[in-house]
Amino acid sequence: MMSPITNDQMNALLKTTKAYSLMILKPGPERHKDGVDKIIWEHGRRNLSLRAAGLLSIFCPVAADALNGIGISNLGIEETTKIMYGDPGVREGVFAYEVYLCRSFPGDSLPG
């Protein structure tokens, strides 16, 4: 059962949120070109490096036709966009992306 949250509790909690960037990764025009598996592998390696550096807090590959993944970055939109320009999958047209400003609670994480 969920605990009730009062307006005062909600207002106090909302003051603790921080800005993040939400990345939406979609198939690009070259998603099915020859050699795509190697490019996707290097894209994944880069994501793990970004995670290790503390720049990509959450990344979730998605196996769907219209969506390939989501990620949450600790950086602003401009910095996150610059990082995405360097992604091998984006550079090769395998992926397209969108970046949005979002807010969340520092310290939140996925269950272990």
PDB file of N, CA and C in Angstrom:
ATOM      1  N   MET A   1       0.836  -1.182   0.000  1.00  0.00           N
ATOM      2  CA  MET A   1       0.000   0.000   0.000  1.00  0.00           C
ATOM      3  C   MET A   1       0.882   1.247   0.000  1.00  0.00           C
ATOM      4  N   MET A   2       0.471   2.239  -0.736  1.00  0.00           N
ATOM      5  CA  MET A   2       1.244   3.478  -0.813  1.00  0.00           C
ATOM      6  C   MET A   2       0.952   4.360   0.392  1.00  0.00           C
ATOM      7  N   SER A   3       2.008   5.041   0.861  1.00  0.00           N
ATOM      8  CA  SER A   3       1.845   5.999   1.954  1.00  0.00           C
ATOM      9  C   SER A   3       1.301   7.300   1.401  1.00  0.00           C
ATOM     10  N   PRO A   4       0.399   7.942   2.135  1.00  0.00           N
ATOM     11  CA  PRO A   4      -0.096   9.240   1.665  1.00  0.00           C
ATOM     12  C   PRO A   4       1.005  10.305   1.780  1.00  0.00           C
ATOM     13  N   ILE A   5       1.019  11.230   0.843  1.00  0.00           N
ATOM     14  CA  ILE A   5       1.967  12.346   0.840  1.00  0.00           C
ATOM     15  C   ILE A   5       1.161  13.628   0.977  1.00  0.00           C
ATOM     16  N   THR A   6       1.492  14.410   1.976  1.00  0.00           N
ATOM     17  CA  THR A   6       0.787  15.671   2.185  1.00  0.00           C
ATOM     18  C   THR A   6       1.318  16.724   1.224  1.00  0.00           C
ATOM     19  N   ASN A   7       0.598  17.812   1.079  1.00  0.00           N
ATOM     20  CA  ASN A   7       1.069  18.926   0.245  1.00  0.00           C
ATOM     21  C   ASN A   7       2.384  19.477   0.772  1.00  0.00           C
ATOM     22  N   ASP A   8       2.529  19.597   2.084  1.00  0.00           N
ATOM     23  CA  ASP A   8       3.779  20.100   2.660  1.00  0.00           C
ATOM     24  C   ASP A   8       4.944  19.167   2.337  1.00  0.00           C
ATOM     25  N   GLN A   9       4.721  17.857   2.460  1.00  0.00           N
ATOM     26  CA  GLN A   9       5.774  16.895   2.117  1.00  0.00           C
ATOM     27  C   GLN A   9       6.133  16.984   0.635  1.00  0.00           C
ATOM     28  N   MET A  10       5.112  17.089  -0.195  1.00  0.00           N
ATOM     29  CA  MET A  10       5.352  17.171  -1.629  1.00  0.00           C
ATOM     30  C   MET A  10       6.146  18.418  -1.983  1.00  0.00           C
ATOM     31  N   ASN A  11       5.757  19.566  -1.431  1.00  0.00           N
ATOM     32  CA  ASN A  11       6.483  20.810  -1.695  1.00  0.00           C
ATOM     33  C   ASN A  11       7.931  20.720  -1.231  1.00  0.00           C
ATOM     34  N   ALA A  12       8.163  20.123  -0.071  1.00  0.00           N
ATOM     35  CA  ALA A  12       9.526  19.975   0.447  1.00  0.00           C
ATOM     36  C   ALA A  12      10.346  19.062  -0.460  1.00  0.00           C
ATOM     37  N   LEU A  13       9.760  17.965  -0.904  1.00  0.00           N
ATOM     38  CA  LEU A  13      10.472  17.042  -1.787  1.00  0.00           C
ATOM     39  C   LEU A  13      10.790  17.671  -3.136  1.00  0.00           C
ATOM     40  N   LEU A  14       9.839  18.389  -3.706  1.00  0.00           N
ATOM     41  CA  LEU A  14      10.050  18.999  -5.018  1.00  0.00           C
ATOM     42  C   LEU A  14      11.192  20.002  -5.011  1.00  0.00           C
ATOM     43  N   LYS A  15      11.461  20.627  -3.869  1.00  0.00           N
ATOM     44  CA  LYS A  15      12.568  21.576  -3.758  1.00  0.00           C
ATOM     45  C   LYS A  15      13.928  20.883  -3.850  1.00  0.00           C
ATOM     46  N   THR A  16      13.957  19.570  -3.670  1.00  0.00           N
ATOM     47  CA  THR A  16      15.228  18.837  -3.708  1.00  0.00           C
ATOM     48  C   THR A  16      15.575  18.301  -5.090  1.00  0.00           C
ATOM     49  N   THR A  17      14.700  18.508  -6.078  1.00  0.00           N
ATOM     50  CA  THR A  17      14.983  17.958  -7.402  1.00  0.00           C
ATOM     51  C   THR A  17      16.131  18.699  -8.081  1.00  0.00           C
ATOM     52  N   LYS A  18      16.723  18.038  -9.047  1.00  0.00           N
ATOM     53  CA  LYS A  18      17.841  18.579  -9.811  1.00  0.00           C
ATOM     54  C   LYS A  18      17.543  18.389 -11.296  1.00  0.00           C
ATOM     55  N   ALA A  19      18.093  19.255 -12.125  1.00  0.00           N
ATOM     56  CA  ALA A  19      17.918  19.143 -13.573  1.00  0.00           C
ATOM     57  C   ALA A  19      18.851  18.070 -14.135  1.00  0.00           C
ATOM     58  N   TYR A  20      18.327  17.298 -15.057  1.00  0.00           N
ATOM     59  CA  TYR A  20      19.067  16.274 -15.783  1.00  0.00           C
ATOM     60  C   TYR A  20      18.667  16.377 -17.249  1.00  0.00           C
ATOM     61  N   SER A  21      19.342  15.605 -18.082  1.00  0.00           N
ATOM     62  CA  SER A  21      18.959  15.517 -19.491  1.00  0.00           C
ATOM     63  C   SER A  21      18.479  14.101 -19.777  1.00  0.00           C
ATOM     64  N   LEU A  22      17.336  14.011 -20.422  1.00  0.00           N
ATOM     65  CA  LEU A  22      16.769  12.746 -20.838  1.00  0.00           C
ATOM     66  C   LEU A  22      17.055  12.569 -22.324  1.00  0.00           C
ATOM     67  N   MET A  23      17.674  11.452 -22.683  1.00  0.00           N
ATOM     68  CA  MET A  23      17.978  11.167 -24.083  1.00  0.00           C
ATOM     69  C   MET A  23      17.060  10.059 -24.573  1.00  0.00           C
ATOM     70  N   ILE A  24      16.490  10.281 -25.725  1.00  0.00           N
ATOM     71  CA  ILE A  24      15.670   9.273 -26.396  1.00  0.00           C
ATOM     72  C   ILE A  24      16.431   8.845 -27.651  1.00  0.00           C
ATOM     73  N   LEU A  25      16.749   7.570 -27.750  1.00  0.00           N
ATOM     74  CA  LEU A  25      17.500   7.046 -28.884  1.00  0.00           C
ATOM     75  C   LEU A  25      16.552   6.273 -29.793  1.00  0.00           C
ATOM     76  N   LYS A  26      16.542   6.661 -31.067  1.00  0.00           N
ATOM     77  CA  LYS A  26      15.640   6.056 -32.046  1.00  0.00           C
ATOM     78  C   LYS A  26      16.447   5.508 -33.216  1.00  0.00           C
ATOM     79  N   PRO A  27      15.834   4.637 -34.016  1.00  0.00           N
ATOM     80  CA  PRO A  27      16.532   4.151 -35.204  1.00  0.00           C
ATOM     81  C   PRO A  27      16.829   5.302 -36.177  1.00  0.00           C
ATOM     82  N   GLY A  28      18.019   5.293 -36.722  1.00  0.00           N
ATOM     83  CA  GLY A  28      18.389   6.268 -37.739  1.00  0.00           C
ATOM     84  C   GLY A  28      18.207   5.688 -39.125  1.00  0.00           C
ATOM     85  N   PRO A  29      18.490   6.475 -40.148  1.00  0.00           N
ATOM     86  CA  PRO A  29      18.273   6.024 -41.525  1.00  0.00           C
ATOM     87  C   PRO A  29      19.171   4.852 -41.927  1.00  0.00           C
ATOM     88  N   GLU A  30      20.271   4.651 -41.218  1.00  0.00           N
ATOM     89  CA  GLU A  30      21.210   3.565 -41.549  1.00  0.00           C
ATOM     90  C   GLU A  30      21.117   2.407 -40.554  1.00  0.00           C
ATOM     91  N   ARG A  31      19.999   2.279 -39.871  1.00  0.00           N
ATOM     92  CA  ARG A  31      19.835   1.287 -38.801  1.00  0.00           C
ATOM     93  C   ARG A  31      20.087  -0.150 -39.265  1.00  0.00           C
ATOM     94  N   HIS A  32      19.836  -0.451 -40.519  1.00  0.00           N
ATOM     95  CA  HIS A  32      19.967  -1.827 -40.995  1.00  0.00           C
ATOM     96  C   HIS A  32      21.086  -2.005 -42.019  1.00  0.00           C
ATOM     97  N   LYS A  33      22.041  -1.071 -42.037  1.00  0.00           N
ATOM     98  CA  LYS A  33      23.128  -1.202 -43.018  1.00  0.00           C
ATOM     99  C   LYS A  33      24.087  -2.328 -42.613  1.00  0.00           C
ATOM    100  N   ASP A  34      24.889  -2.756 -43.556  1.00  0.00           N
ATOM    101  CA  ASP A  34      25.880  -3.799 -43.291  1.00  0.00           C
ATOM    102  C   ASP A  34      26.853  -3.308 -42.219  1.00  0.00           C
ATOM    103  N   GLY A  35      27.247  -4.216 -41.336  1.00  0.00           N
ATOM    104  CA  GLY A  35      28.223  -3.889 -40.303  1.00  0.00           C
ATOM    105  C   GLY A  35      27.653  -3.187 -39.093  1.00  0.00           C
ATOM    106  N   VAL A  36      26.334  -3.113 -38.993  1.00  0.00           N
ATOM    107  CA  VAL A  36      25.700  -2.348 -37.921  1.00  0.00           C
ATOM    108  C   VAL A  36      25.988  -2.944 -36.541  1.00  0.00           C
ATOM    109  N   ASP A  37      26.155  -4.257 -36.445  1.00  0.00           N
ATOM    110  CA  ASP A  37      26.396  -4.876 -35.136  1.00  0.00           C
ATOM    111  C   ASP A  37      27.677  -4.354 -34.490  1.00  0.00           C
ATOM    112  N   LYS A  38      28.720  -4.168 -35.283  1.00  0.00           N
ATOM    113  CA  LYS A  38      29.990  -3.644 -34.751  1.00  0.00           C
ATOM    114  C   LYS A  38      29.806  -2.201 -34.269  1.00  0.00           C
ATOM    115  N   ILE A  39      29.066  -1.412 -35.007  1.00  0.00           N
ATOM    116  CA  ILE A  39      28.818  -0.018 -34.621  1.00  0.00           C
ATOM    117  C   ILE A  39      28.019   0.028 -33.317  1.00  0.00           C
ATOM    118  N   ILE A  40      27.004  -0.810 -33.201  1.00  0.00           N
ATOM    119  CA  ILE A  40      26.189  -0.843 -31.984  1.00  0.00           C
ATOM    120  C   ILE A  40      27.030  -1.304 -30.794  1.00  0.00           C
ATOM    121  N   TRP A  41      27.929  -2.252 -31.021  1.00  0.00           N
ATOM    122  CA  TRP A  41      28.819  -2.714 -29.952  1.00  0.00           C
ATOM    123  C   TRP A  41      29.676  -1.552 -29.437  1.00  0.00           C
ATOM    124  N   GLU A  42      30.234  -0.759 -30.342  1.00  0.00           N
ATOM    125  CA  GLU A  42      31.063   0.383 -29.942  1.00  0.00           C
ATOM    126  C   GLU A  42      30.216   1.471 -29.272  1.00  0.00           C
ATOM    127  N   HIS A  43      28.989   1.634 -29.711  1.00  0.00           N
ATOM    128  CA  HIS A  43      28.049   2.548 -29.050  1.00  0.00           C
ATOM    129  C   HIS A  43      27.867   2.110 -27.589  1.00  0.00           C
ATOM    130  N   GLY A  44      27.667   0.806 -27.374  1.00  0.00           N
ATOM    131  CA  GLY A  44      27.507   0.286 -26.016  1.00  0.00           C
ATOM    132  C   GLY A  44      28.755   0.477 -25.177  1.00  0.00           C
ATOM    133  N   ARG A  45      29.920   0.249 -25.775  1.00  0.00           N
ATOM    134  CA  ARG A  45      31.182   0.448 -25.056  1.00  0.00           C
ATOM    135  C   ARG A  45      31.311   1.912 -24.610  1.00  0.00           C
ATOM    136  N   ARG A  46      30.941   2.821 -25.497  1.00  0.00           N
ATOM    137  CA  ARG A  46      31.010   4.250 -25.171  1.00  0.00           C
ATOM    138  C   ARG A  46      30.050   4.589 -24.037  1.00  0.00           C
ATOM    139  N   ASN A  47      28.848   4.013 -24.070  1.00  0.00           N
ATOM    140  CA  ASN A  47      27.898   4.245 -22.982  1.00  0.00           C
ATOM    141  C   ASN A  47      28.462   3.774 -21.644  1.00  0.00           C
ATOM    142  N   LEU A  48      29.128   2.631 -21.637  1.00  0.00           N
ATOM    143  CA  LEU A  48      29.738   2.140 -20.400  1.00  0.00           C
ATOM    144  C   LEU A  48      30.847   3.074 -19.929  1.00  0.00           C
ATOM    145  N   SER A  49      31.600   3.653 -20.850  1.00  0.00           N
ATOM    146  CA  SER A  49      32.635   4.630 -20.484  1.00  0.00           C
ATOM    147  C   SER A  49      32.011   5.888 -19.900  1.00  0.00           C
ATOM    148  N   LEU A  50      30.920   6.354 -20.517  1.00  0.00           N
ATOM    149  CA  LEU A  50      30.221   7.531 -19.995  1.00  0.00           C
ATOM    150  C   LEU A  50      29.653   7.246 -18.605  1.00  0.00           C
ATOM    151  N   ARG A  51      29.148   6.040 -18.419  1.00  0.00           N
ATOM    152  CA  ARG A  51      28.633   5.634 -17.103  1.00  0.00           C
ATOM    153  C   ARG A  51      29.761   5.627 -16.077  1.00  0.00           C
ATOM    154  N   ALA A  52      30.899   5.051 -16.432  1.00  0.00           N
ATOM    155  CA  ALA A  52      32.043   4.983 -15.521  1.00  0.00           C
ATOM    156  C   ALA A  52      32.545   6.377 -15.151  1.00  0.00           C
ATOM    157  N   ALA A  53      32.420   7.322 -16.074  1.00  0.00           N
ATOM    158  CA  ALA A  53      32.855   8.696 -15.823  1.00  0.00           C
ATOM    159  C   ALA A  53      31.814   9.501 -15.046  1.00  0.00           C
ATOM    160  N   GLY A  54      30.657   8.900 -14.771  1.00  0.00           N
ATOM    161  CA  GLY A  54      29.614   9.595 -14.021  1.00  0.00           C
ATOM    162  C   GLY A  54      28.805  10.559 -14.857  1.00  0.00           C
ATOM    163  N   LEU A  55      28.885  10.464 -16.171  1.00  0.00           N
ATOM    164  CA  LEU A  55      28.168  11.388 -17.048  1.00  0.00           C
ATOM    165  C   LEU A  55      26.819  10.835 -17.512  1.00  0.00           C
ATOM    166  N   LEU A  56      26.706   9.535 -17.565  1.00  0.00           N
ATOM    167  CA  LEU A  56      25.467   8.886 -17.979  1.00  0.00           C
ATOM    168  C   LEU A  56      25.009   8.024 -16.808  1.00  0.00           C
ATOM    169  N   SER A  57      24.062   8.542 -16.048  1.00  0.00           N
ATOM    170  CA  SER A  57      23.642   7.868 -14.821  1.00  0.00           C
ATOM    171  C   SER A  57      22.849   6.606 -15.093  1.00  0.00           C
ATOM    172  N   ILE A  58      21.981   6.671 -16.073  1.00  0.00           N
ATOM    173  CA  ILE A  58      21.134   5.526 -16.399  1.00  0.00           C
ATOM    174  C   ILE A  58      21.075   5.409 -17.909  1.00  0.00           C
ATOM    175  N   PHE A  59      21.279   4.212 -18.413  1.00  0.00           N
ATOM    176  CA  PHE A  59      21.001   3.968 -19.822  1.00  0.00           C
ATOM    177  C   PHE A  59      20.318   2.617 -19.935  1.00  0.00           C
ATOM    178  N   CYS A  60      19.299   2.597 -20.737  1.00  0.00           N
ATOM    179  CA  CYS A  60      18.465   1.410 -20.894  1.00  0.00           C
ATOM    180  C   CYS A  60      18.261   1.128 -22.379  1.00  0.00           C
ATOM    181  N   PRO A  61      18.921   0.110 -22.911  1.00  0.00           N
ATOM    182  CA  PRO A  61      18.614  -0.292 -24.279  1.00  0.00           C
ATOM    183  C   PRO A  61      17.153  -0.763 -24.355  1.00  0.00           C
ATOM    184  N   VAL A  62      16.507  -0.463 -25.453  1.00  0.00           N
ATOM    185  CA  VAL A  62      15.117  -0.855 -25.661  1.00  0.00           C
ATOM    186  C   VAL A  62      15.038  -1.605 -26.981  1.00  0.00           C
ATOM    187  N   ALA A  63      14.468  -2.792 -26.935  1.00  0.00           N
ATOM    188  CA  ALA A  63      14.334  -3.611 -28.146  1.00  0.00           C
ATOM    189  C   ALA A  63      12.942  -3.402 -28.738  1.00  0.00           C
ATOM    190  N   ALA A  64      12.789  -2.313 -29.474  1.00  0.00           N
ATOM    191  CA  ALA A  64      11.516  -2.004 -30.122  1.00  0.00           C
ATOM    192  C   ALA A  64      11.809  -1.380 -31.475  1.00  0.00           C
ATOM    193  N   ASP A  65      10.843  -1.431 -32.364  1.00  0.00           N
ATOM    194  CA  ASP A  65      11.051  -0.875 -33.695  1.00  0.00           C
ATOM    195  C   ASP A  65      11.240   0.637 -33.688  1.00  0.00           C
ATOM    196  N   ALA A  66      10.482   1.338 -32.855  1.00  0.00           N
ATOM    197  CA  ALA A  66      10.486   2.798 -32.882  1.00  0.00           C
ATOM    198  C   ALA A  66      11.383   3.429 -31.821  1.00  0.00           C
ATOM    199  N   LEU A  67      11.934   2.628 -30.913  1.00  0.00           N
ATOM    200  CA  LEU A  67      12.737   3.154 -29.804  1.00  0.00           C
ATOM    201  C   LEU A  67      13.893   2.206 -29.538  1.00  0.00           C
ATOM    202  N   ASN A  68      15.120   2.749 -29.480  1.00  0.00           N
ATOM    203  CA  ASN A  68      16.291   1.915 -29.227  1.00  0.00           C
ATOM    204  C   ASN A  68      16.870   2.079 -27.839  1.00  0.00           C
ATOM    205  N   GLY A  69      16.505   3.140 -27.130  1.00  0.00           N
ATOM    206  CA  GLY A  69      17.022   3.297 -25.782  1.00  0.00           C
ATOM    207  C   GLY A  69      16.656   4.631 -25.176  1.00  0.00           C
ATOM    208  N   ILE A  70      16.873   4.695 -23.849  1.00  0.00           N
ATOM    209  CA  ILE A  70      16.730   5.944 -23.118  1.00  0.00           C
ATOM    210  C   ILE A  70      17.939   6.087 -22.204  1.00  0.00           C
ATOM    211  N   GLY A  71      18.267   7.299 -21.870  1.00  0.00           N
ATOM    212  CA  GLY A  71      19.361   7.549 -20.945  1.00  0.00           C
ATOM    213  C   GLY A  71      19.105   8.824 -20.175  1.00  0.00           C
ATOM    214  N   ILE A  72      19.687   8.888 -18.990  1.00  0.00           N
ATOM    215  CA  ILE A  72      19.605  10.102 -18.182  1.00  0.00           C
ATOM    216  C   ILE A  72      21.026  10.534 -17.871  1.00  0.00           C
ATOM    217  N   SER A  73      21.325  11.772 -18.238  1.00  0.00           N
ATOM    218  CA  SER A  73      22.654  12.340 -18.075  1.00  0.00           C
ATOM    219  C   SER A  73      22.646  13.372 -16.953  1.00  0.00           C
ATOM    220  N   ASN A  74      23.778  13.496 -16.282  1.00  0.00           N
ATOM    221  CA  ASN A  74      23.955  14.510 -15.235  1.00  0.00           C
ATOM    222  C   ASN A  74      24.262  15.884 -15.803  1.00  0.00           C
ATOM    223  N   LEU A  75      24.347  15.985 -17.106  1.00  0.00           N
ATOM    224  CA  LEU A  75      24.746  17.228 -17.757  1.00  0.00           C
ATOM    225  C   LEU A  75      23.543  17.987 -18.290  1.00  0.00           C
ATOM    226  N   GLY A  76      23.767  19.234 -18.680  1.00  0.00           N
ATOM    227  CA  GLY A  76      22.730  20.027 -19.319  1.00  0.00           C
ATOM    228  C   GLY A  76      22.491  19.567 -20.746  1.00  0.00           C
ATOM    229  N   ILE A  77      21.495  20.149 -21.361  1.00  0.00           N
ATOM    230  CA  ILE A  77      21.114  19.753 -22.715  1.00  0.00           C
ATOM    231  C   ILE A  77      22.245  19.982 -23.713  1.00  0.00           C
ATOM    232  N   GLU A  78      22.902  21.131 -23.658  1.00  0.00           N
ATOM    233  CA  GLU A  78      23.974  21.420 -24.616  1.00  0.00           C
ATOM    234  C   GLU A  78      25.124  20.430 -24.497  1.00  0.00           C
ATOM    235  N   GLU A  79      25.549  20.149 -23.257  1.00  0.00           N
ATOM    236  CA  GLU A  79      26.654  19.217 -23.050  1.00  0.00           C
ATOM    237  C   GLU A  79      26.263  17.806 -23.478  1.00  0.00           C
ATOM    238  N   THR A  80      25.036  17.411 -23.157  1.00  0.00           N
ATOM    239  CA  THR A  80      24.565  16.082 -23.540  1.00  0.00           C
ATOM    240  C   THR A  80      24.488  15.962 -25.056  1.00  0.00           C
ATOM    241  N   THR A  81      24.033  17.003 -25.720  1.00  0.00           N
ATOM    242  CA  THR A  81      23.968  17.000 -27.181  1.00  0.00           C
ATOM    243  C   THR A  81      25.369  16.852 -27.778  1.00  0.00           C
ATOM    244  N   LYS A  82      26.360  17.543 -27.212  1.00  0.00           N
ATOM    245  CA  LYS A  82      27.741  17.408 -27.693  1.00  0.00           C
ATOM    246  C   LYS A  82      28.239  15.977 -27.534  1.00  0.00           C
ATOM    247  N   ILE A  83      27.904  15.354 -26.415  1.00  0.00           N
ATOM    248  CA  ILE A  83      28.293  13.961 -26.204  1.00  0.00           C
ATOM    249  C   ILE A  83      27.648  13.068 -27.249  1.00  0.00           C
ATOM    250  N   MET A  84      26.391  13.318 -27.541  1.00  0.00           N
ATOM    251  CA  MET A  84      25.687  12.490 -28.520  1.00  0.00           C
ATOM    252  C   MET A  84      26.270  12.649 -29.918  1.00  0.00           C
ATOM    253  N   TYR A  85      26.768  13.835 -30.264  1.00  0.00           N
ATOM    254  CA  TYR A  85      27.424  14.023 -31.568  1.00  0.00           C
ATOM    255  C   TYR A  85      28.604  13.082 -31.731  1.00  0.00           C
ATOM    256  N   GLY A  86      29.268  12.739 -30.631  1.00  0.00           N
ATOM    257  CA  GLY A  86      30.424  11.870 -30.690  1.00  0.00           C
ATOM    258  C   GLY A  86      30.104  10.387 -30.654  1.00  0.00           C
ATOM    259  N   ASP A  87      28.846  10.034 -30.521  1.00  0.00           N
ATOM    260  CA  ASP A  87      28.463   8.629 -30.452  1.00  0.00           C
ATOM    261  C   ASP A  87      28.665   7.961 -31.811  1.00  0.00           C
ATOM    262  N   PRO A  88      29.331   6.801 -31.857  1.00  0.00           N
ATOM    263  CA  PRO A  88      29.577   6.160 -33.144  1.00  0.00           C
ATOM    264  C   PRO A  88      28.294   5.783 -33.890  1.00  0.00           C
ATOM    265  N   GLY A  89      27.266   5.389 -33.172  1.00  0.00           N
ATOM    266  CA  GLY A  89      25.997   5.046 -33.826  1.00  0.00           C
ATOM    267  C   GLY A  89      25.306   6.254 -34.417  1.00  0.00           C
ATOM    268  N   VAL A  90      25.414   7.389 -33.756  1.00  0.00           N
ATOM    269  CA  VAL A  90      24.830   8.629 -34.269  1.00  0.00           C
ATOM    270  C   VAL A  90      25.622   9.107 -35.482  1.00  0.00           C
ATOM    271  N   ARG A  91      26.951   9.077 -35.363  1.00  0.00           N
ATOM    272  CA  ARG A  91      27.803   9.523 -36.481  1.00  0.00           C
ATOM    273  C   ARG A  91      27.565   8.706 -37.741  1.00  0.00           C
ATOM    274  N   GLU A  92      27.282   7.415 -37.585  1.00  0.00           N
ATOM    275  CA  GLU A  92      27.082   6.521 -38.731  1.00  0.00           C
ATOM    276  C   GLU A  92      25.624   6.471 -39.200  1.00  0.00           C
ATOM    277  N   GLY A  93      24.731   7.220 -38.546  1.00  0.00           N
ATOM    278  CA  GLY A  93      23.334   7.233 -38.953  1.00  0.00           C
ATOM    279  C   GLY A  93      22.533   6.029 -38.491  1.00  0.00           C
ATOM    280  N   VAL A  94      23.129   5.201 -37.633  1.00  0.00           N
ATOM    281  CA  VAL A  94      22.428   4.030 -37.098  1.00  0.00           C
ATOM    282  C   VAL A  94      21.353   4.475 -36.104  1.00  0.00           C
ATOM    283  N   PHE A  95      21.667   5.536 -35.368  1.00  0.00           N
ATOM    284  CA  PHE A  95      20.737   6.076 -34.380  1.00  0.00           C
ATOM    285  C   PHE A  95      20.472   7.550 -34.643  1.00  0.00           C
ATOM    286  N   ALA A  96      19.279   7.967 -34.284  1.00  0.00           N
ATOM    287  CA  ALA A  96      18.920   9.388 -34.179  1.00  0.00           C
ATOM    288  C   ALA A  96      18.558   9.597 -32.707  1.00  0.00           C
ATOM    289  N   TYR A  97      18.547  10.827 -32.257  1.00  0.00           N
ATOM    290  CA  TYR A  97      18.263  11.053 -30.844  1.00  0.00           C
ATOM    291  C   TYR A  97      17.555  12.378 -30.623  1.00  0.00           C
ATOM    292  N   GLU A  98      16.965  12.475 -29.460  1.00  0.00           N
ATOM    293  CA  GLU A  98      16.379  13.718 -28.966  1.00  0.00           C
ATOM    294  C   GLU A  98      16.839  13.879 -27.525  1.00  0.00           C
ATOM    295  N   VAL A  99      17.028  15.117 -27.087  1.00  0.00           N
ATOM    296  CA  VAL A  99      17.438  15.398 -25.711  1.00  0.00           C
ATOM    297  C   VAL A  99      16.436  16.378 -25.110  1.00  0.00           C
ATOM    298  N   TYR A 100      15.998  16.079 -23.889  1.00  0.00           N
ATOM    299  CA  TYR A 100      15.022  16.903 -23.186  1.00  0.00           C
ATOM    300  C   TYR A 100      15.513  17.200 -21.773  1.00  0.00           C
ATOM    301  N   LEU A 101      15.162  18.357 -21.278  1.00  0.00           N
ATOM    302  CA  LEU A 101      15.413  18.694 -19.881  1.00  0.00           C
ATOM    303  C   LEU A 101      14.390  17.953 -19.031  1.00  0.00           C
ATOM    304  N   CYS A 102      14.849  17.353 -17.951  1.00  0.00           N
ATOM    305  CA  CYS A 102      13.934  16.709 -17.013  1.00  0.00           C
ATOM    306  C   CYS A 102      14.430  16.981 -15.592  1.00  0.00           C
ATOM    307  N   ARG A 103      13.631  16.636 -14.613  1.00  0.00           N
ATOM    308  CA  ARG A 103      14.001  16.816 -13.215  1.00  0.00           C
ATOM    309  C   ARG A 103      13.774  15.512 -12.476  1.00  0.00           C
ATOM    310  N   SER A 104      14.630  15.262 -11.499  1.00  0.00           N
ATOM    311  CA  SER A 104      14.450  14.083 -10.660  1.00  0.00           C
ATOM    312  C   SER A 104      15.133  14.325  -9.322  1.00  0.00           C
ATOM    313  N   PHE A 105      15.083  13.316  -8.483  1.00  0.00           N
ATOM    314  CA  PHE A 105      15.646  13.406  -7.147  1.00  0.00           C
ATOM    315  C   PHE A 105      17.042  12.824  -7.139  1.00  0.00           C
ATOM    316  N   PRO A 106      18.064  13.635  -6.788  1.00  0.00           N
ATOM    317  CA  PRO A 106      19.417  13.094  -6.705  1.00  0.00           C
ATOM    318  C   PRO A 106      19.449  11.887  -5.771  1.00  0.00           C
ATOM    319  N   GLY A 107      20.183  10.865  -6.212  1.00  0.00           N
ATOM    320  CA  GLY A 107      20.290   9.654  -5.413  1.00  0.00           C
ATOM    321  C   GLY A 107      19.303   8.572  -5.779  1.00  0.00           C
ATOM    322  N   ASP A 108      18.263   8.921  -6.553  1.00  0.00           N
ATOM    323  CA  ASP A 108      17.349   7.881  -7.007  1.00  0.00           C
ATOM    324  C   ASP A 108      18.112   6.894  -7.876  1.00  0.00           C
ATOM    325  N   SER A 109      17.698   5.661  -7.846  1.00  0.00           N
ATOM    326  CA  SER A 109      18.362   4.648  -8.647  1.00  0.00           C
ATOM    327  C   SER A 109      17.387   3.516  -8.949  1.00  0.00           C
ATOM    328  N   LEU A 110      17.807   2.654  -9.848  1.00  0.00           N
ATOM    329  CA  LEU A 110      17.021   1.479 -10.162  1.00  0.00           C
ATOM    330  C   LEU A 110      17.241   0.444  -9.054  1.00  0.00           C
ATOM    331  N   PRO A 111      16.231  -0.343  -8.735  1.00  0.00           N
ATOM    332  CA  PRO A 111      16.413  -1.368  -7.692  1.00  0.00           C
ATOM    333  C   PRO A 111      17.506  -2.359  -8.101  1.00  0.00           C
ATOM    334  N   GLY A 112      18.246  -2.841  -7.127  1.00  0.00           N
ATOM    335  CA  GLY A 112      19.337  -3.790  -7.380  1.00  0.00           C
ATOM    336  C   GLY A 112      18.856  -5.202  -7.546  1.00  0.00           C
TER     337      GLY A 112
END
